[in-house]
């Protein structure tokens, strides 16, 4: 078996190169990096896989097709196939590495050839973006995607501003707080700085209800869907997140994520920094950083378990990231982010998928990657059919 070739190169360098902003020294580095592919193809555990065969051919036409498929993806996919028998189950792992590819002419890398490779794009389905609706206390609705920067609303002495980076922020004080609701549609996400300085990131199809000023002994908000919080510390004034099923997360100052989508089997709270207490009815749990607790539909509260926080926070960081999950789990996130309907026409394989891909990838590119799990997809308008 061959030794694995080092194919890593800084992603930011590749991004600058494709945008035409790289320096001569950086272009030389990329040229040397590409030459390593010609000298020896990347290592594949399955040398008969489609990607391995593509690379072995070494033809420009084949490399062009790889560029067209993977221009926006740096990923690693692992397919786990489970074979059942009366005695035991055998696990077979197929690992395929897919990397950025570049063309090289006799004079060096040809950037024009790279940039002009056509990639099919379904214009009816596009990745999500910063989109949200702000509902004021008087019922007025503001489409934040269309609103300009600066002051977008006034409620008493409270001023609501939309910053240049798209975030909402509140300024001023008032003795009679009003309640606002920030909600994202499918295919949307948004960020807000609450009146106390707490930062909140909303995922697609989510909402947060909050006062225009926090008063009293607690800071209370309510959410649906998924949100990540970086809570500003205020001694003696805990921050409380309430969910529709009555579950409560209470903190003083910490970083945590709450996934409370209605179509999920459980509500999950994951702690990244600090400490939180989760309460549901008479049960409660205290989390340490790197732990997650689940509340199931039966209202049962699980014991805290360690999790990979980078997978939990992938959505906030612009990624889809999965670790041994079914295609149905993957497609739930796809449906929310691309605002599509997912239809299953047959019993779907329970093979497990592990991989990572940017959330700004075109739907065609994403589905090509997911087909490595054994599923097949057809697009009809805003509907994705899984076979």
Protein backbone atom coordinates (compact mmCIF):
# COMPACT_ATOMS: atom_id res chain seq x y z
CA UNK A 1 0.00 0.00 0.00
CA UNK A 2 1.36 3.42 -0.96
CA UNK A 3 2.23 6.09 1.57
CA UNK A 4 -0.34 8.85 1.72
CA UNK A 5 0.59 12.00 -0.19
CA UNK A 6 0.33 15.26 1.74
CA UNK A 7 -2.35 17.14 -0.24
CA UNK A 8 -3.13 19.85 2.28
CA UNK A 9 -2.87 23.53 1.39
CA UNK A 10 -4.37 26.56 3.20
CA UNK A 11 -7.97 27.10 2.11
CA UNK A 12 -7.56 30.91 2.23
CA UNK A 13 -4.71 30.65 -0.25
CA UNK A 14 -6.92 28.72 -2.67
CA UNK A 15 -9.70 31.26 -2.24
CA UNK A 16 -7.36 34.15 -3.07
CA UNK A 17 -6.01 32.27 -6.07
CA UNK A 18 -9.46 31.63 -7.56
CA UNK A 19 -10.39 35.28 -6.98
CA UNK A 20 -7.23 36.44 -8.79
CA UNK A 21 -5.73 38.05 -5.67
CA UNK A 22 -2.81 35.71 -5.01
CA UNK A 23 0.80 36.92 -5.08
CA UNK A 24 3.45 35.48 -7.43
CA UNK A 25 4.94 33.56 -4.51
CA UNK A 26 1.53 32.09 -3.65
CA UNK A 27 0.94 31.14 -7.28
CA UNK A 28 4.28 29.34 -7.31
CA UNK A 29 3.31 27.48 -4.12
CA UNK A 30 0.03 26.37 -5.68
CA UNK A 31 1.90 25.29 -8.81
CA UNK A 32 4.23 23.12 -6.75
CA UNK A 33 1.26 21.74 -4.84
CA UNK A 34 -0.52 20.82 -8.05
CA UNK A 35 2.63 19.18 -9.42
CA UNK A 36 2.49 16.76 -6.49
CA UNK A 37 -0.80 15.45 -7.86
CA UNK A 38 0.84 14.68 -11.20
CA UNK A 39 3.74 12.91 -9.51
CA UNK A 40 1.51 10.74 -7.37
CA UNK A 41 -2.27 10.70 -7.04
CA UNK A 42 -3.81 11.13 -3.56
CA UNK A 43 -4.21 8.04 -1.44
CA UNK A 44 -7.50 6.16 -1.54
CA UNK A 45 -8.38 3.21 0.65
CA UNK A 46 -10.46 1.92 -2.25
CA UNK A 47 -8.29 2.21 -5.37
CA UNK A 48 -11.24 1.14 -7.53
CA UNK A 49 -13.49 4.01 -6.40
CA UNK A 50 -14.76 6.44 -9.03
CA UNK A 51 -12.68 9.31 -7.65
CA UNK A 52 -9.50 7.20 -7.60
CA UNK A 53 -10.02 6.03 -11.18
CA UNK A 54 -10.69 9.62 -12.28
CA UNK A 55 -7.40 10.76 -10.84
CA UNK A 56 -5.44 7.84 -12.27
CA UNK A 57 -6.46 8.68 -15.83
CA UNK A 58 -4.71 12.05 -15.53
CA UNK A 59 -6.45 13.53 -18.56
CA UNK A 60 -7.38 17.18 -18.67
CA UNK A 61 -10.97 16.32 -19.53
CA UNK A 62 -11.29 14.19 -16.42
CA UNK A 63 -9.69 16.83 -14.20
CA UNK A 64 -12.02 19.44 -15.68
CA UNK A 65 -15.00 17.33 -14.68
CA UNK A 66 -13.65 17.05 -11.14
CA UNK A 67 -13.22 20.83 -10.96
CA UNK A 68 -16.78 21.33 -12.15
CA UNK A 69 -18.07 18.99 -9.49
CA UNK A 70 -15.97 20.07 -6.55
CA UNK A 71 -15.06 23.76 -7.12
CA UNK A 72 -16.75 24.83 -3.90
CA UNK A 73 -16.07 21.77 -1.80
CA UNK A 74 -13.24 20.68 0.42
CA UNK A 75 -14.55 17.61 2.08
CA UNK A 76 -14.06 14.14 3.23
CA UNK A 77 -16.78 11.56 2.93
CA UNK A 78 -16.98 8.27 4.72
CA UNK A 79 -19.61 5.71 3.90
CA UNK A 80 -20.35 3.04 6.44
CA UNK A 81 -22.12 -0.07 5.11
CA UNK A 82 -23.58 -2.44 7.67
CA UNK A 83 -24.08 -6.07 6.64
CA UNK A 84 -26.38 -8.05 8.93
CA UNK A 85 -26.24 -11.79 9.63
CA UNK A 86 -27.72 -14.13 12.18
CA UNK A 87 -24.49 -14.23 14.13
CA UNK A 88 -23.05 -10.73 13.89
CA UNK A 89 -22.70 -7.55 11.88
CA UNK A 90 -19.63 -6.63 9.90
CA UNK A 91 -18.66 -3.03 9.32
CA UNK A 92 -17.05 -2.05 6.07
CA UNK A 93 -15.63 1.44 5.71
CA UNK A 94 -15.11 3.10 2.37
CA UNK A 95 -13.20 6.36 2.60
CA UNK A 96 -12.88 8.66 -0.37
CA UNK A 97 -10.94 11.93 -0.24
CA UNK A 98 -12.03 14.66 -2.62
CA UNK A 99 -9.76 17.68 -2.96
CA UNK A 100 -9.46 20.92 -4.93
CA UNK A 101 -8.12 20.25 -8.43
CA UNK A 102 -6.35 22.68 -10.74
CA UNK A 103 -5.36 22.53 -14.39
CA UNK A 104 -1.77 23.01 -15.45
CA UNK A 105 -0.64 24.08 -18.92
CA UNK A 106 2.92 23.86 -20.24
CA UNK A 107 3.48 27.40 -18.90
CA UNK A 108 2.03 26.56 -15.49
CA UNK A 109 -1.45 26.56 -13.99
CA UNK A 110 -4.06 28.02 -16.30
CA UNK A 111 -6.40 30.06 -14.09
CA UNK A 112 -8.74 30.94 -16.97
CA UNK A 113 -9.37 27.26 -17.66
CA UNK A 114 -10.21 26.73 -14.01
CA UNK A 115 -12.57 29.69 -13.77
CA UNK A 116 -14.40 28.96 -17.02
CA UNK A 117 -15.25 25.32 -16.41
CA UNK A 118 -19.05 25.19 -16.54
CA UNK A 119 -20.82 23.73 -13.52
CA UNK A 120 -24.52 22.92 -13.76
CA UNK A 121 -26.61 24.92 -11.33
CA UNK A 122 -30.30 24.52 -10.57
CA UNK A 123 -31.46 28.14 -10.42
CA UNK A 124 -34.74 27.21 -8.71
CA UNK A 125 -32.89 26.01 -5.62
CA UNK A 126 -30.26 28.26 -4.07
CA UNK A 127 -28.38 28.11 -0.76
CA UNK A 128 -29.68 30.07 2.20
CA UNK A 129 -28.56 33.59 3.10
CA UNK A 130 -29.06 36.33 5.70
CA UNK A 131 -32.84 36.68 5.67
CA UNK A 132 -35.22 37.38 8.53
CA UNK A 133 -38.43 39.10 9.58
CA UNK A 134 -38.61 41.43 12.60
CA UNK A 135 -42.04 41.72 14.21
CA UNK A 136 -42.41 44.72 16.53
CA UNK A 137 -44.63 44.93 19.59
CA UNK A 138 -47.32 46.81 17.66
CA UNK A 139 -47.47 44.08 15.02
CA UNK A 140 -45.48 45.94 12.37
CA UNK A 141 -43.41 43.57 10.24
CA UNK A 142 -40.01 44.54 8.80
CA UNK A 143 -38.33 42.47 6.09
CA UNK A 144 -34.69 42.78 7.14
CA UNK A 145 -33.42 41.52 3.82
CA UNK A 146 -34.92 44.60 2.16
CA UNK A 147 -34.38 47.12 4.97
CA UNK A 148 -31.47 49.55 4.63
CA UNK A 149 -28.71 49.97 7.18
CA UNK A 150 -29.14 52.33 10.12
CA UNK A 151 -32.24 52.96 12.23
CA UNK A 152 -35.12 50.75 11.10
CA UNK A 153 -37.54 51.22 14.03
CA UNK A 154 -38.20 53.11 17.27
CA UNK A 155 -40.18 51.73 20.19
CA UNK A 156 -40.53 54.33 22.91
CA UNK A 157 -36.99 55.45 23.67
CA UNK A 158 -35.50 52.24 22.22
CA UNK A 159 -33.84 52.48 18.80
CA UNK A 160 -33.46 49.40 16.59
CA UNK A 161 -30.48 49.56 14.23
CA UNK A 162 -29.39 47.35 11.37
CA UNK A 163 -25.60 47.38 11.17
CA UNK A 164 -23.55 47.22 8.01
CA UNK A 165 -22.69 43.59 8.75
CA UNK A 166 -26.43 42.82 8.85
CA UNK A 167 -26.76 42.34 12.61
CA UNK A 168 -29.57 43.89 14.59
CA UNK A 169 -28.78 45.84 17.74
CA UNK A 170 -30.82 47.79 20.31
CA UNK A 171 -29.87 51.10 21.91
CA UNK A 172 -31.49 53.13 24.68
CA UNK A 173 -33.40 52.42 27.88
CA UNK A 174 -37.06 52.24 28.73
CA UNK A 175 -39.11 51.52 31.83
CA UNK A 176 -41.78 49.59 29.91
CA UNK A 177 -40.13 47.04 27.62
CA UNK A 178 -41.91 45.76 24.56
CA UNK A 179 -41.43 42.32 23.02
CA UNK A 180 -40.03 41.77 19.54
CA UNK A 181 -39.79 38.56 17.52
CA UNK A 182 -36.98 37.86 15.08
CA UNK A 183 -37.75 34.93 12.78
CA UNK A 184 -35.88 33.32 9.90
CA UNK A 185 -37.58 31.44 7.06
CA UNK A 186 -36.36 28.24 5.50
CA UNK A 187 -33.27 29.27 3.58
CA UNK A 188 -32.47 32.08 6.01
CA UNK A 189 -30.22 32.83 8.98
CA UNK A 190 -29.59 35.96 11.03
CA UNK A 191 -27.62 37.50 13.89
CA UNK A 192 -28.75 39.84 16.63
CA UNK A 193 -27.18 41.62 19.58
CA UNK A 194 -29.77 41.68 22.36
CA UNK A 195 -30.22 44.75 24.60
CA UNK A 196 -27.89 43.26 27.25
CA UNK A 197 -25.09 42.66 24.72
CA UNK A 198 -25.77 38.94 24.31
CA UNK A 199 -25.07 37.74 20.77
CA UNK A 200 -27.46 35.31 19.11
CA UNK A 201 -27.17 33.46 15.81
CA UNK A 202 -30.43 32.05 14.39
CA UNK A 203 -30.37 29.09 12.04
CA UNK A 204 -32.94 28.56 9.27
CA UNK A 205 -36.64 28.22 10.19
CA UNK A 206 -36.06 29.56 13.71
CA UNK A 207 -37.25 32.41 15.92
CA UNK A 208 -36.44 34.27 19.12
CA UNK A 209 -38.79 36.39 21.22
CA UNK A 210 -37.12 38.93 23.50
CA UNK A 211 -37.79 42.25 25.29
CA UNK A 212 -36.43 45.53 23.97
CA UNK A 213 -34.83 46.03 27.40
CA UNK A 214 -34.14 43.51 30.17
CA UNK A 215 -35.55 44.41 33.59
CA UNK A 216 -36.00 42.67 36.92
CA UNK A 217 -33.98 39.72 38.17
CA UNK A 218 -33.81 37.65 34.98
CA UNK A 219 -33.21 37.98 31.27
CA UNK A 220 -35.82 35.81 29.56
CA UNK A 221 -36.07 34.87 25.88
CA UNK A 222 -38.02 32.20 23.99
CA UNK A 223 -36.87 30.29 20.92
CA UNK A 224 -38.02 27.85 18.27
CA UNK A 225 -35.73 26.04 15.86
CA UNK A 226 -32.00 26.42 16.47
CA UNK A 227 -29.94 29.21 18.00
CA UNK A 228 -26.42 29.74 19.28
CA UNK A 229 -25.88 32.10 22.22
CA UNK A 230 -22.88 34.00 23.51
CA UNK A 231 -24.37 35.35 26.72
CA UNK A 232 -23.08 38.60 28.21
CA UNK A 233 -22.25 38.20 31.89
CA UNK A 234 -24.44 40.10 34.36
CA UNK A 235 -23.94 39.01 37.97
CA UNK A 236 -27.20 38.35 39.74
CA UNK A 237 -29.23 38.49 36.51
CA UNK A 238 -29.29 35.00 34.95
CA UNK A 239 -30.13 34.51 31.28
CA UNK A 240 -32.98 32.09 30.60
CA UNK A 241 -33.95 30.41 27.32
CA UNK A 242 -37.41 28.87 27.16
CA UNK A 243 -38.67 26.37 24.57
CA UNK A 244 -42.16 25.36 23.48
CA UNK A 245 -42.13 22.08 25.38
CA UNK A 246 -41.50 23.90 28.66
CA UNK A 247 -37.78 23.14 28.84
CA UNK A 248 -35.61 25.91 30.27
CA UNK A 249 -31.88 26.64 29.96
CA UNK A 250 -30.51 28.98 32.64
CA UNK A 251 -27.05 30.58 32.58
CA UNK A 252 -25.11 33.57 33.87
CA UNK A 253 -22.56 34.00 31.08
CA UNK A 254 -21.69 31.27 28.63
CA UNK A 255 -21.65 29.99 25.04
CA UNK A 256 -24.16 27.30 24.10
CA UNK A 257 -26.33 25.98 21.27
CA UNK A 258 -29.98 24.92 21.40
CA UNK A 259 -31.56 22.77 18.69
CA UNK A 260 -35.33 22.73 19.23
CA UNK A 261 -36.81 21.98 15.80
CA UNK A 262 -40.27 20.43 15.89
CA UNK A 263 -39.33 17.71 13.39
CA UNK A 264 -36.40 16.42 15.45
CA UNK A 265 -36.73 13.52 17.87
CA UNK A 266 -35.40 15.57 20.77
CA UNK A 267 -34.33 19.03 21.86
CA UNK A 268 -30.57 19.21 22.24
CA UNK A 269 -28.59 21.71 24.30
CA UNK A 270 -24.82 21.76 23.81
CA UNK A 271 -22.37 23.71 25.97
CA UNK A 272 -19.22 25.21 24.52
CA UNK A 273 -18.07 27.45 27.37
CA UNK A 274 -19.13 28.18 30.95
CA UNK A 275 -21.95 26.29 32.66
CA UNK A 276 -25.67 25.84 32.06
CA UNK A 277 -28.55 24.20 33.87
CA UNK A 278 -31.33 22.56 31.86
CA UNK A 279 -34.70 22.00 33.52
CA UNK A 280 -37.74 20.06 32.30
CA UNK A 281 -40.55 19.58 34.78
CA UNK A 282 -38.93 18.11 37.91
CA UNK A 283 -35.79 16.88 36.15
CA UNK A 284 -32.62 18.91 35.65
CA UNK A 285 -29.04 18.54 34.46
CA UNK A 286 -25.90 20.68 34.62
CA UNK A 287 -23.59 20.69 31.61
CA UNK A 288 -19.85 21.09 31.39
CA UNK A 289 -18.12 22.37 28.23
CA UNK A 290 -18.24 19.81 25.43
CA UNK A 291 -21.35 18.09 26.78
CA UNK A 292 -24.86 17.78 25.38
CA UNK A 293 -28.19 16.86 26.92
CA UNK A 294 -31.36 15.80 25.09
CA UNK A 295 -35.02 16.20 25.99
CA UNK A 296 -37.17 13.63 24.21
CA UNK A 297 -40.81 13.91 23.18
CA UNK A 298 -41.69 11.79 26.21
CA UNK A 299 -40.22 14.68 28.28
CA UNK A 300 -37.43 12.39 29.46
CA UNK A 301 -34.18 14.26 30.14
CA UNK A 302 -31.04 12.38 29.12
CA UNK A 303 -27.79 12.27 31.00
CA UNK A 304 -25.11 14.68 29.70
CA UNK A 305 -22.85 13.09 27.09
CA UNK A 306 -19.63 14.34 25.43
CA UNK A 307 -20.04 15.43 21.79
CA UNK A 308 -17.99 16.88 18.95
CA UNK A 309 -18.83 20.57 19.27
CA UNK A 310 -17.45 21.39 15.81
CA UNK A 311 -20.19 19.22 14.32
CA UNK A 312 -22.85 20.94 16.43
CA UNK A 313 -21.58 24.40 15.47
CA UNK A 314 -20.97 23.66 11.79
CA UNK A 315 -24.13 25.54 10.74
CA UNK A 316 -22.90 28.74 12.40
CA UNK A 317 -19.52 28.35 10.72
CA UNK A 318 -20.98 27.96 7.23
CA UNK A 319 -20.77 24.18 6.97
CA UNK A 320 -22.80 21.03 6.80
CA UNK A 321 -20.95 18.50 8.93
CA UNK A 322 -22.15 14.99 9.73
CA UNK A 323 -20.71 12.10 11.67
CA UNK A 324 -22.26 8.70 10.96
CA UNK A 325 -25.86 9.82 10.38
CA UNK A 326 -28.57 8.55 8.03
CA UNK A 327 -29.45 10.33 4.81
CA UNK A 328 -32.79 11.35 6.37
CA UNK A 329 -30.90 13.28 9.06
CA UNK A 330 -28.79 14.97 6.40
CA UNK A 331 -31.81 15.88 4.26
CA UNK A 332 -33.59 17.59 7.17
CA UNK A 333 -30.81 20.17 7.25
CA UNK A 334 -30.78 20.40 3.45
CA UNK A 335 -34.54 21.03 3.39
CA UNK A 336 -34.29 23.89 5.89
CA UNK A 337 -31.29 25.59 4.32
CA UNK A 338 -32.27 25.31 0.66
CA UNK A 339 -36.01 25.76 1.36
CA UNK A 340 -37.02 22.60 -0.46
CA UNK A 341 -39.43 19.72 0.02
CA UNK A 342 -37.82 16.30 0.35
CA UNK A 343 -39.78 13.26 -0.86
CA UNK A 344 -38.75 9.62 -0.39
CA UNK A 345 -40.10 7.25 -3.05
CA UNK A 346 -38.68 4.02 -1.63
CA UNK A 347 -37.31 2.74 1.63
CA UNK A 348 -34.10 4.69 2.00
CA UNK A 349 -30.83 2.98 2.75
CA UNK A 350 -29.75 3.17 6.37
CA UNK A 351 -26.09 3.44 5.39
CA UNK A 352 -24.40 6.08 7.50
CA UNK A 353 -22.89 9.24 6.08
CA UNK A 354 -19.91 11.15 7.35
CA UNK A 355 -18.72 14.29 5.64
CA UNK A 356 -18.32 18.03 5.46
CA UNK A 357 -19.28 20.57 2.79
CA UNK A 358 -19.83 24.32 2.64
CA UNK A 359 -23.40 25.54 3.03
CA UNK A 360 -22.97 27.91 0.08
CA UNK A 361 -22.48 25.00 -2.34
CA UNK A 362 -24.90 24.80 -5.27
CA UNK A 363 -27.57 22.17 -4.69
CA UNK A 364 -26.25 20.07 -7.59
CA UNK A 365 -22.79 19.94 -6.02
CA UNK A 366 -24.18 19.01 -2.64
CA UNK A 367 -26.31 16.18 -4.02
CA UNK A 368 -23.38 14.77 -6.00
CA UNK A 369 -21.44 14.49 -2.77
CA UNK A 370 -24.37 12.91 -0.94
CA UNK A 371 -24.75 10.32 -3.70
CA UNK A 372 -21.49 8.83 -2.43
CA UNK A 373 -23.63 7.48 0.42
CA UNK A 374 -25.58 5.34 -2.07
CA UNK A 375 -28.66 7.56 -2.35
CA UNK A 376 -29.86 8.99 -5.67
CA UNK A 377 -31.63 12.31 -6.17
CA UNK A 378 -33.91 13.94 -8.73
CA UNK A 379 -34.78 17.66 -8.66
CA UNK A 380 -38.25 18.79 -9.71
CA UNK A 381 -38.65 22.52 -9.13
CA UNK A 382 -38.37 23.05 -5.37
CA UNK A 383 -38.70 19.34 -4.66
CA UNK A 384 -35.88 16.84 -4.15
CA UNK A 385 -36.84 13.21 -4.70
CA UNK A 386 -34.68 10.68 -2.85
CA UNK A 387 -34.43 7.16 -4.28
